[in-house]
Amino acid sequence: PWTDSAAITDPGIPTFFCPSANGRIKTSSNDSISKSLGTNIAICWGDNPAEIYSDQTGKDGDCSGRTLFYWFQERDMSFATDGASNTVVVSEIVVAEQSGTQLIKGGVAIIDGINKRNWTWGPSVCLSDKNGSTGEFKSLPLNARWWYHSRWADGRPMYTGFNTILPPNAPSCQTADADPANGIYTATSNHKGGVNCARLDGSVFFVTENVDTGNPALPDTKVGKFMTGQSPFGVWGALGTPQSGESVSP
């Protein structure tokens, strides 16, 4: 089980923070923990927004084929049949500087009333809530908890994950105000125009905000439980799926 006492180092692990980061999330009650456990490093959870945190048995929607990293799965490079150079495994993500931030970079929109088992909305709902002139969310209820990407040793997407669904620096959204909530967690950075990523072959490359992401307004039946086949999210989605039959470059 998760225990912060086993992972805390004060003032944190410098390797886990990008030099471009302005700071780590600050709250009155959890400042020391968040400073010690935070990270700007995120692991790819593929292109499926639904059931990325299920009951760990897969009965709520098995998405294990969409990512190298999944609950109770041990995999090696042979799983990436699309090729190590065509598979993204690591990206950057901005950690909020304070709880309740309105900023897209570091914030997460909470969309109430969503049925996480059916995922009754598409990624376009999340994408459309961006105010381009201010870099803030427009209207969705949001709550950037102190724990958003504040546990480098916790494998849940809320803490250490990102999806290849919406382009870099687009909004992140989740279904409930809770750390195990399903959601779309987007790669973000303070670098102008995109994020740095690493492929499975160890190479590092820059992904721009204009990377092809297909059609985020796809019908819900295309973006839900038991997704199979090639990614509907363009080049970016293809890079996030290790064995969906794509062979592309950003």
C-alpha atoms as a PDB file:
ATOM      1  CA  PRO A   1       0.000   0.000   0.000  1.00  0.00           C
ATOM      2  CA  TRP A   2       1.007   3.641  -0.469  1.00  0.00           C
ATOM      3  CA  THR A   3       2.934   5.218   2.394  1.00  0.00           C
ATOM      4  CA  ASP A   4       4.457   8.683   2.180  1.00  0.00           C
ATOM      5  CA  SER A   5       6.896   7.991   5.013  1.00  0.00           C
ATOM      6  CA  ALA A   6       8.759   5.505   2.844  1.00  0.00           C
ATOM      7  CA  ALA A   7       9.151   7.947  -0.042  1.00  0.00           C
ATOM      8  CA  ILE A   8       9.612  11.384   1.508  1.00  0.00           C
ATOM      9  CA  THR A   9      12.925  13.118   0.995  1.00  0.00           C
ATOM     10  CA  ASP A  10      13.231  16.747   1.989  1.00  0.00           C
ATOM     11  CA  PRO A  11      13.340  19.003  -0.009  1.00  0.00           C
ATOM     12  CA  GLY A  12      12.539  16.412  -2.685  1.00  0.00           C
ATOM     13  CA  ILE A  13      14.517  14.660  -5.401  1.00  0.00           C
ATOM     14  CA  PRO A  14      15.971  17.232  -7.833  1.00  0.00           C
ATOM     15  CA  THR A  15      16.072  14.736 -10.734  1.00  0.00           C
ATOM     16  CA  PHE A  16      12.275  14.521 -10.604  1.00  0.00           C
ATOM     17  CA  PHE A  17      11.856  18.247 -11.302  1.00  0.00           C
ATOM     18  CA  CYS A  18      12.436  20.073 -14.565  1.00  0.00           C
ATOM     19  CA  PRO A  19      14.671  23.184 -14.280  1.00  0.00           C
ATOM     20  CA  SER A  20      11.907  25.116 -16.088  1.00  0.00           C
ATOM     21  CA  ALA A  21       9.424  24.437 -13.284  1.00  0.00           C
ATOM     22  CA  ASN A  22       8.536  27.520 -11.248  1.00  0.00           C
ATOM     23  CA  GLY A  23       7.916  25.595  -8.078  1.00  0.00           C
ATOM     24  CA  ARG A  24       5.962  22.854  -6.393  1.00  0.00           C
ATOM     25  CA  ILE A  25       2.470  23.001  -5.050  1.00  0.00           C
ATOM     26  CA  LYS A  26       2.179  24.903  -1.765  1.00  0.00           C
ATOM     27  CA  THR A  27      -0.531  24.481   0.852  1.00  0.00           C
ATOM     28  CA  SER A  28      -0.632  25.295   4.515  1.00  0.00           C
ATOM     29  CA  SER A  29      -1.266  21.730   5.683  1.00  0.00           C
ATOM     30  CA  ASN A  30       0.618  19.623   3.169  1.00  0.00           C
ATOM     31  CA  ASP A  31       3.535  21.799   2.117  1.00  0.00           C
ATOM     32  CA  SER A  32       6.296  19.556   3.435  1.00  0.00           C
ATOM     33  CA  ILE A  33       4.821  16.387   1.961  1.00  0.00           C
ATOM     34  CA  SER A  34       4.134  17.853  -1.472  1.00  0.00           C
ATOM     35  CA  LYS A  35       7.594  19.409  -1.708  1.00  0.00           C
ATOM     36  CA  SER A  36       9.141  16.065  -0.879  1.00  0.00           C
ATOM     37  CA  LEU A  37       7.043  13.840  -3.107  1.00  0.00           C
ATOM     38  CA  GLY A  38       6.239  15.913  -6.193  1.00  0.00           C
ATOM     39  CA  THR A  39       7.451  15.225  -9.725  1.00  0.00           C
ATOM     40  CA  ASN A  40       7.383  16.771 -13.187  1.00  0.00           C
ATOM     41  CA  ILE A  41       7.896  13.319 -14.740  1.00  0.00           C
ATOM     42  CA  ALA A  42       4.848  11.497 -16.105  1.00  0.00           C
ATOM     43  CA  ILE A  43       4.475   7.958 -17.492  1.00  0.00           C
ATOM     44  CA  CYS A  44       2.338   7.280 -20.560  1.00  0.00           C
ATOM     45  CA  TRP A  45      -1.037   5.618 -19.955  1.00  0.00           C
ATOM     46  CA  GLY A  46      -1.926   5.416 -23.620  1.00  0.00           C
ATOM     47  CA  ASP A  47      -4.927   6.821 -25.438  1.00  0.00           C
ATOM     48  CA  ASN A  48      -7.912   5.548 -23.444  1.00  0.00           C
ATOM     49  CA  PRO A  49      -9.532   7.986 -21.003  1.00  0.00           C
ATOM     50  CA  ALA A  50     -11.902   5.428 -19.508  1.00  0.00           C
ATOM     51  CA  GLU A  51     -11.234   2.939 -16.739  1.00  0.00           C
ATOM     52  CA  ILE A  52      -7.581   3.792 -16.313  1.00  0.00           C
ATOM     53  CA  TYR A  53      -8.291   3.312 -12.625  1.00  0.00           C
ATOM     54  CA  SER A  54     -10.601   0.318 -12.459  1.00  0.00           C
ATOM     55  CA  ASP A  55     -10.999  -2.260  -9.724  1.00  0.00           C
ATOM     56  CA  GLN A  56      -7.661  -3.709 -10.938  1.00  0.00           C
ATOM     57  CA  THR A  57      -9.341  -6.836 -12.325  1.00  0.00           C
ATOM     58  CA  GLY A  58     -10.336  -5.358 -15.680  1.00  0.00           C
ATOM     59  CA  LYS A  59     -14.050  -6.099 -15.339  1.00  0.00           C
ATOM     60  CA  ASP A  60     -14.893  -2.388 -15.530  1.00  0.00           C
ATOM     61  CA  GLY A  61     -13.113  -2.081 -18.847  1.00  0.00           C
ATOM     62  CA  ASP A  62      -9.774  -3.683 -19.649  1.00  0.00           C
ATOM     63  CA  CYS A  63      -7.499  -1.098 -21.270  1.00  0.00           C
ATOM     64  CA  SER A  64      -4.295  -3.000 -20.603  1.00  0.00           C
ATOM     65  CA  GLY A  65      -3.540  -3.363 -24.309  1.00  0.00           C
ATOM     66  CA  ARG A  66      -3.391   0.410 -24.782  1.00  0.00           C
ATOM     67  CA  THR A  67      -0.297   1.033 -22.666  1.00  0.00           C
ATOM     68  CA  LEU A  68       2.967  -0.489 -21.499  1.00  0.00           C
ATOM     69  CA  PHE A  69       2.096   0.329 -17.910  1.00  0.00           C
ATOM     70  CA  TYR A  70      -0.976  -1.205 -16.316  1.00  0.00           C
ATOM     71  CA  TRP A  71      -2.152  -2.640 -13.030  1.00  0.00           C
ATOM     72  CA  PHE A  72      -0.428  -5.907 -12.061  1.00  0.00           C
ATOM     73  CA  GLN A  73       1.218  -6.281 -15.476  1.00  0.00           C
ATOM     74  CA  GLU A  74       4.883  -7.108 -16.008  1.00  0.00           C
ATOM     75  CA  ARG A  75       6.029  -6.284 -19.525  1.00  0.00           C
ATOM     76  CA  ASP A  76       9.246  -5.943 -21.442  1.00  0.00           C
ATOM     77  CA  MET A  77      10.107  -4.216 -24.710  1.00  0.00           C
ATOM     78  CA  SER A  78       8.682  -7.076 -26.761  1.00  0.00           C
ATOM     79  CA  PHE A  79       5.192  -5.815 -25.866  1.00  0.00           C
ATOM     80  CA  ALA A  80       5.771  -2.767 -28.074  1.00  0.00           C
ATOM     81  CA  THR A  81       5.182  -4.441 -31.416  1.00  0.00           C
ATOM     82  CA  ASP A  82       4.773  -1.027 -33.064  1.00  0.00           C
ATOM     83  CA  GLY A  83       8.456  -0.491 -32.362  1.00  0.00           C
ATOM     84  CA  ALA A  84      10.430   1.117 -29.555  1.00  0.00           C
ATOM     85  CA  SER A  85      11.030   4.245 -31.665  1.00  0.00           C
ATOM     86  CA  ASN A  86       7.255   4.606 -32.215  1.00  0.00           C
ATOM     87  CA  THR A  87       6.265   4.334 -28.549  1.00  0.00           C
ATOM     88  CA  VAL A  88       6.253   7.199 -26.031  1.00  0.00           C
ATOM     89  CA  VAL A  89       6.862   6.273 -22.410  1.00  0.00           C
ATOM     90  CA  VAL A  90       7.727   9.502 -20.539  1.00  0.00           C
ATOM     91  CA  SER A  91       6.748  13.168 -20.748  1.00  0.00           C
ATOM     92  CA  GLU A  92       6.761  16.308 -18.669  1.00  0.00           C
ATOM     93  CA  ILE A  93       3.887  17.617 -16.620  1.00  0.00           C
ATOM     94  CA  VAL A  94       3.532  20.869 -14.676  1.00  0.00           C
ATOM     95  CA  VAL A  95       2.762  20.610 -10.963  1.00  0.00           C
ATOM     96  CA  ALA A  96       0.433  23.259  -9.555  1.00  0.00           C
ATOM     97  CA  GLU A  97       2.093  25.937  -7.474  1.00  0.00           C
ATOM     98  CA  GLN A  98      -0.905  26.283  -5.194  1.00  0.00           C
ATOM     99  CA  SER A  99      -4.109  24.442  -4.450  1.00  0.00           C
ATOM    100  CA  GLY A 100      -7.168  25.569  -6.408  1.00  0.00           C
ATOM    101  CA  THR A 101      -5.231  27.065  -9.305  1.00  0.00           C
ATOM    102  CA  GLN A 102      -7.212  28.243 -12.325  1.00  0.00           C
ATOM    103  CA  LEU A 103      -4.244  27.622 -14.598  1.00  0.00           C
ATOM    104  CA  ILE A 104      -4.448  24.825 -17.152  1.00  0.00           C
ATOM    105  CA  LYS A 105      -0.791  24.038 -16.527  1.00  0.00           C
ATOM    106  CA  GLY A 106      -0.954  22.435 -13.110  1.00  0.00           C
ATOM    107  CA  GLY A 107      -4.738  22.438 -12.830  1.00  0.00           C
ATOM    108  CA  VAL A 108      -7.396  19.829 -13.490  1.00  0.00           C
ATOM    109  CA  ALA A 109     -11.077  20.428 -14.318  1.00  0.00           C
ATOM    110  CA  ILE A 110     -13.593  18.412 -12.321  1.00  0.00           C
ATOM    111  CA  ILE A 111     -16.651  17.469 -14.374  1.00  0.00           C
ATOM    112  CA  ASP A 112     -19.440  16.463 -12.004  1.00  0.00           C
ATOM    113  CA  GLY A 113     -22.101  13.916 -12.838  1.00  0.00           C
ATOM    114  CA  ILE A 114     -20.034  11.848 -15.254  1.00  0.00           C
ATOM    115  CA  ASN A 115     -20.587   8.100 -15.127  1.00  0.00           C
ATOM    116  CA  LYS A 116     -17.049   6.773 -15.087  1.00  0.00           C
ATOM    117  CA  ARG A 117     -18.107   3.273 -16.039  1.00  0.00           C
ATOM    118  CA  ASN A 118     -19.657   4.447 -19.297  1.00  0.00           C
ATOM    119  CA  TRP A 119     -17.651   7.617 -19.931  1.00  0.00           C
ATOM    120  CA  THR A 120     -20.549   9.552 -21.378  1.00  0.00           C
ATOM    121  CA  TRP A 121     -18.574  12.440 -22.865  1.00  0.00           C
ATOM    122  CA  GLY A 122     -15.754  12.862 -25.333  1.00  0.00           C
ATOM    123  CA  PRO A 123     -12.371  14.581 -25.003  1.00  0.00           C
ATOM    124  CA  SER A 124     -13.681  17.619 -26.902  1.00  0.00           C
ATOM    125  CA  VAL A 125     -15.540  18.695 -23.751  1.00  0.00           C
ATOM    126  CA  CYS A 126     -12.246  18.975 -21.943  1.00  0.00           C
ATOM    127  CA  LEU A 127     -10.394  20.556 -24.867  1.00  0.00           C
ATOM    128  CA  SER A 128     -12.991  23.294 -25.352  1.00  0.00           C
ATOM    129  CA  ASP A 129     -12.612  24.652 -21.840  1.00  0.00           C
ATOM    130  CA  LYS A 130      -9.320  26.385 -22.573  1.00  0.00           C
ATOM    131  CA  ASN A 131      -9.056  30.163 -22.526  1.00  0.00           C
ATOM    132  CA  GLY A 132      -6.185  30.723 -24.911  1.00  0.00           C
ATOM    133  CA  SER A 133      -5.572  34.334 -23.938  1.00  0.00           C
ATOM    134  CA  THR A 134      -5.031  33.651 -20.241  1.00  0.00           C
ATOM    135  CA  GLY A 135      -3.929  30.038 -20.081  1.00  0.00           C
ATOM    136  CA  GLU A 136      -6.782  29.320 -17.671  1.00  0.00           C
ATOM    137  CA  PHE A 137      -9.900  27.169 -17.695  1.00  0.00           C
ATOM    138  CA  LYS A 138     -13.011  28.962 -18.910  1.00  0.00           C
ATOM    139  CA  SER A 139     -15.953  27.548 -17.035  1.00  0.00           C
ATOM    140  CA  LEU A 140     -15.662  23.980 -15.769  1.00  0.00           C
ATOM    141  CA  PRO A 141     -15.603  23.451 -12.003  1.00  0.00           C
ATOM    142  CA  LEU A 142     -12.054  22.722 -11.007  1.00  0.00           C
ATOM    143  CA  ASN A 143     -10.026  21.936  -7.972  1.00  0.00           C
ATOM    144  CA  ALA A 144      -6.277  21.496  -8.203  1.00  0.00           C
ATOM    145  CA  ARG A 145      -5.697  19.439  -5.102  1.00  0.00           C
ATOM    146  CA  TRP A 146      -2.353  19.574  -3.375  1.00  0.00           C
ATOM    147  CA  TRP A 147      -1.869  15.946  -4.394  1.00  0.00           C
ATOM    148  CA  TYR A 148      -2.026  16.519  -8.178  1.00  0.00           C
ATOM    149  CA  HIS A 149       1.274  15.022  -9.369  1.00  0.00           C
ATOM    150  CA  SER A 150       2.579  15.226  -5.838  1.00  0.00           C
ATOM    151  CA  ARG A 151       3.561  11.562  -5.318  1.00  0.00           C
ATOM    152  CA  TRP A 152       6.448  10.382  -7.458  1.00  0.00           C
ATOM    153  CA  ALA A 153       6.098   6.833  -6.116  1.00  0.00           C
ATOM    154  CA  ASP A 154       2.337   6.472  -6.708  1.00  0.00           C
ATOM    155  CA  GLY A 155       1.421   4.759  -9.990  1.00  0.00           C
ATOM    156  CA  ARG A 156      -2.067   6.213 -10.373  1.00  0.00           C
ATOM    157  CA  PRO A 157      -2.439   8.530 -13.405  1.00  0.00           C
ATOM    158  CA  MET A 158      -3.461  11.436 -11.175  1.00  0.00           C
ATOM    159  CA  TYR A 159       0.021  11.378  -9.679  1.00  0.00           C
ATOM    160  CA  THR A 160       2.402  10.082 -12.316  1.00  0.00           C
ATOM    161  CA  GLY A 161       0.543   9.606 -15.593  1.00  0.00           C
ATOM    162  CA  PHE A 162      -0.459  11.291 -18.839  1.00  0.00           C
ATOM    163  CA  ASN A 163      -2.551  10.348 -21.876  1.00  0.00           C
ATOM    164  CA  THR A 164      -1.821  10.808 -25.579  1.00  0.00           C
ATOM    165  CA  ILE A 165      -5.300  12.128 -26.324  1.00  0.00           C
ATOM    166  CA  LEU A 166      -5.280  15.925 -26.236  1.00  0.00           C
ATOM    167  CA  PRO A 167      -2.213  17.815 -27.499  1.00  0.00           C
ATOM    168  CA  PRO A 168       0.525  19.033 -25.141  1.00  0.00           C
ATOM    169  CA  ASN A 169      -0.488  21.947 -22.899  1.00  0.00           C
ATOM    170  CA  ALA A 170      -4.205  21.312 -23.434  1.00  0.00           C
ATOM    171  CA  PRO A 171      -6.482  21.020 -20.364  1.00  0.00           C
ATOM    172  CA  SER A 172      -6.629  18.012 -18.040  1.00  0.00           C
ATOM    173  CA  CYS A 173     -10.035  16.835 -16.805  1.00  0.00           C
ATOM    174  CA  GLN A 174     -11.302  14.151 -14.460  1.00  0.00           C
ATOM    175  CA  THR A 175     -14.635  12.703 -13.471  1.00  0.00           C
ATOM    176  CA  ALA A 176     -14.645  13.402  -9.732  1.00  0.00           C
ATOM    177  CA  ASP A 177     -12.843  15.319  -7.043  1.00  0.00           C
ATOM    178  CA  ALA A 178     -10.772  12.366  -5.919  1.00  0.00           C
ATOM    179  CA  ASP A 179      -7.256  11.145  -6.561  1.00  0.00           C
ATOM    180  CA  PRO A 180      -8.303   7.777  -8.050  1.00  0.00           C
ATOM    181  CA  ALA A 181     -10.755   9.395 -10.488  1.00  0.00           C
ATOM    182  CA  ASN A 182     -10.735   8.546 -14.171  1.00  0.00           C
ATOM    183  CA  GLY A 183      -9.728  11.356 -16.470  1.00  0.00           C
ATOM    184  CA  ILE A 184      -7.696  12.761 -19.307  1.00  0.00           C
ATOM    185  CA  TYR A 185      -4.324  13.845 -17.984  1.00  0.00           C
ATOM    186  CA  THR A 186      -2.457  15.938 -20.528  1.00  0.00           C
ATOM    187  CA  ALA A 187       1.296  16.393 -20.937  1.00  0.00           C
ATOM    188  CA  THR A 188       2.301  19.961 -20.031  1.00  0.00           C
ATOM    189  CA  SER A 189       5.476  21.980 -19.633  1.00  0.00           C
ATOM    190  CA  ASN A 190       6.773  25.527 -19.301  1.00  0.00           C
ATOM    191  CA  HIS A 191       8.704  25.160 -22.537  1.00  0.00           C
ATOM    192  CA  LYS A 192       7.295  27.276 -25.336  1.00  0.00           C
ATOM    193  CA  GLY A 193       5.094  25.365 -27.772  1.00  0.00           C
ATOM    194  CA  GLY A 194       5.217  21.815 -26.452  1.00  0.00           C
ATOM    195  CA  VAL A 195       6.799  19.205 -24.200  1.00  0.00           C
ATOM    196  CA  ASN A 196       9.879  17.018 -24.083  1.00  0.00           C
ATOM    197  CA  CYS A 197       9.186  13.296 -24.302  1.00  0.00           C
ATOM    198  CA  ALA A 198      11.170  10.070 -24.278  1.00  0.00           C
ATOM    199  CA  ARG A 199      10.581   7.020 -26.460  1.00  0.00           C
ATOM    200  CA  LEU A 200      10.999   3.423 -25.414  1.00  0.00           C
ATOM    201  CA  ASP A 201      14.304   3.278 -27.304  1.00  0.00           C
ATOM    202  CA  GLY A 202      15.699   5.948 -24.954  1.00  0.00           C
ATOM    203  CA  SER A 203      15.641   8.829 -27.425  1.00  0.00           C
ATOM    204  CA  VAL A 204      14.340  12.243 -26.331  1.00  0.00           C
ATOM    205  CA  PHE A 205      12.315  14.475 -28.655  1.00  0.00           C
ATOM    206  CA  PHE A 206      10.073  17.547 -28.560  1.00  0.00           C
ATOM    207  CA  VAL A 207       6.341  17.204 -29.246  1.00  0.00           C
ATOM    208  CA  THR A 208       4.653  20.422 -30.306  1.00  0.00           C
ATOM    209  CA  GLU A 209       1.193  21.635 -29.376  1.00  0.00           C
ATOM    210  CA  ASN A 210       0.279  21.256 -33.051  1.00  0.00           C
ATOM    211  CA  VAL A 211       0.907  17.514 -33.177  1.00  0.00           C
ATOM    212  CA  ASP A 212      -1.842  15.610 -35.011  1.00  0.00           C
ATOM    213  CA  THR A 213      -4.402  14.376 -32.470  1.00  0.00           C
ATOM    214  CA  GLY A 214      -7.090  13.120 -34.827  1.00  0.00           C
ATOM    215  CA  ASN A 215     -10.650  14.008 -33.894  1.00  0.00           C
ATOM    216  CA  PRO A 216     -11.284  14.677 -30.173  1.00  0.00           C
ATOM    217  CA  ALA A 217     -15.025  14.953 -30.882  1.00  0.00           C
ATOM    218  CA  LEU A 218     -15.382  11.273 -31.749  1.00  0.00           C
ATOM    219  CA  PRO A 219     -18.607   9.583 -30.625  1.00  0.00           C
ATOM    220  CA  ASP A 220     -18.464   8.054 -27.162  1.00  0.00           C
ATOM    221  CA  THR A 221     -18.608   4.551 -28.635  1.00  0.00           C
ATOM    222  CA  LYS A 222     -15.166   5.211 -30.143  1.00  0.00           C
ATOM    223  CA  VAL A 223     -13.649   6.396 -26.876  1.00  0.00           C
ATOM    224  CA  GLY A 224     -14.557   4.054 -24.088  1.00  0.00           C
ATOM    225  CA  LYS A 225     -14.181   0.645 -22.603  1.00  0.00           C
ATOM    226  CA  PHE A 226     -12.324  -2.103 -24.412  1.00  0.00           C
ATOM    227  CA  MET A 227     -10.770   0.092 -27.097  1.00  0.00           C
ATOM    228  CA  THR A 228      -9.003  -1.909 -29.775  1.00  0.00           C
ATOM    229  CA  GLY A 229      -7.168  -1.225 -33.018  1.00  0.00           C
ATOM    230  CA  GLN A 230      -5.374   1.868 -34.184  1.00  0.00           C
ATOM    231  CA  SER A 231      -5.658   5.032 -32.130  1.00  0.00           C
ATOM    232  CA  PRO A 232      -8.354   7.557 -33.142  1.00  0.00           C
ATOM    233  CA  PHE A 233      -6.129  10.363 -31.831  1.00  0.00           C
ATOM    234  CA  GLY A 234      -3.786  10.763 -34.761  1.00  0.00           C
ATOM    235  CA  VAL A 235      -0.003  10.701 -34.501  1.00  0.00           C
ATOM    236  CA  TRP A 236      -0.064  11.562 -30.806  1.00  0.00           C
ATOM    237  CA  GLY A 237      -2.421   8.705 -29.986  1.00  0.00           C
ATOM    238  CA  ALA A 238      -0.385   6.323 -32.117  1.00  0.00           C
ATOM    239  CA  LEU A 239       2.778   7.189 -30.208  1.00  0.00           C
ATOM    240  CA  GLY A 240       1.021   6.363 -26.954  1.00  0.00           C
ATOM    241  CA  THR A 241      -0.137   2.901 -28.016  1.00  0.00           C
ATOM    242  CA  PRO A 242       2.578   0.215 -28.116  1.00  0.00           C
ATOM    243  CA  GLN A 243       0.809  -2.435 -30.208  1.00  0.00           C
ATOM    244  CA  SER A 244      -2.048  -0.951 -32.213  1.00  0.00           C
ATOM    245  CA  GLY A 245      -0.534  -1.371 -35.663  1.00  0.00           C
ATOM    246  CA  GLU A 246       0.727   2.152 -36.264  1.00  0.00           C
ATOM    247  CA  SER A 247       4.179   3.173 -37.400  1.00  0.00           C
ATOM    248  CA  VAL A 248       4.440   6.962 -37.320  1.00  0.00           C
ATOM    249  CA  SER A 249       6.662   9.911 -36.500  1.00  0.00           C
ATOM    250  CA  PRO A 250       5.611  13.176 -34.833  1.00  0.00           C
END
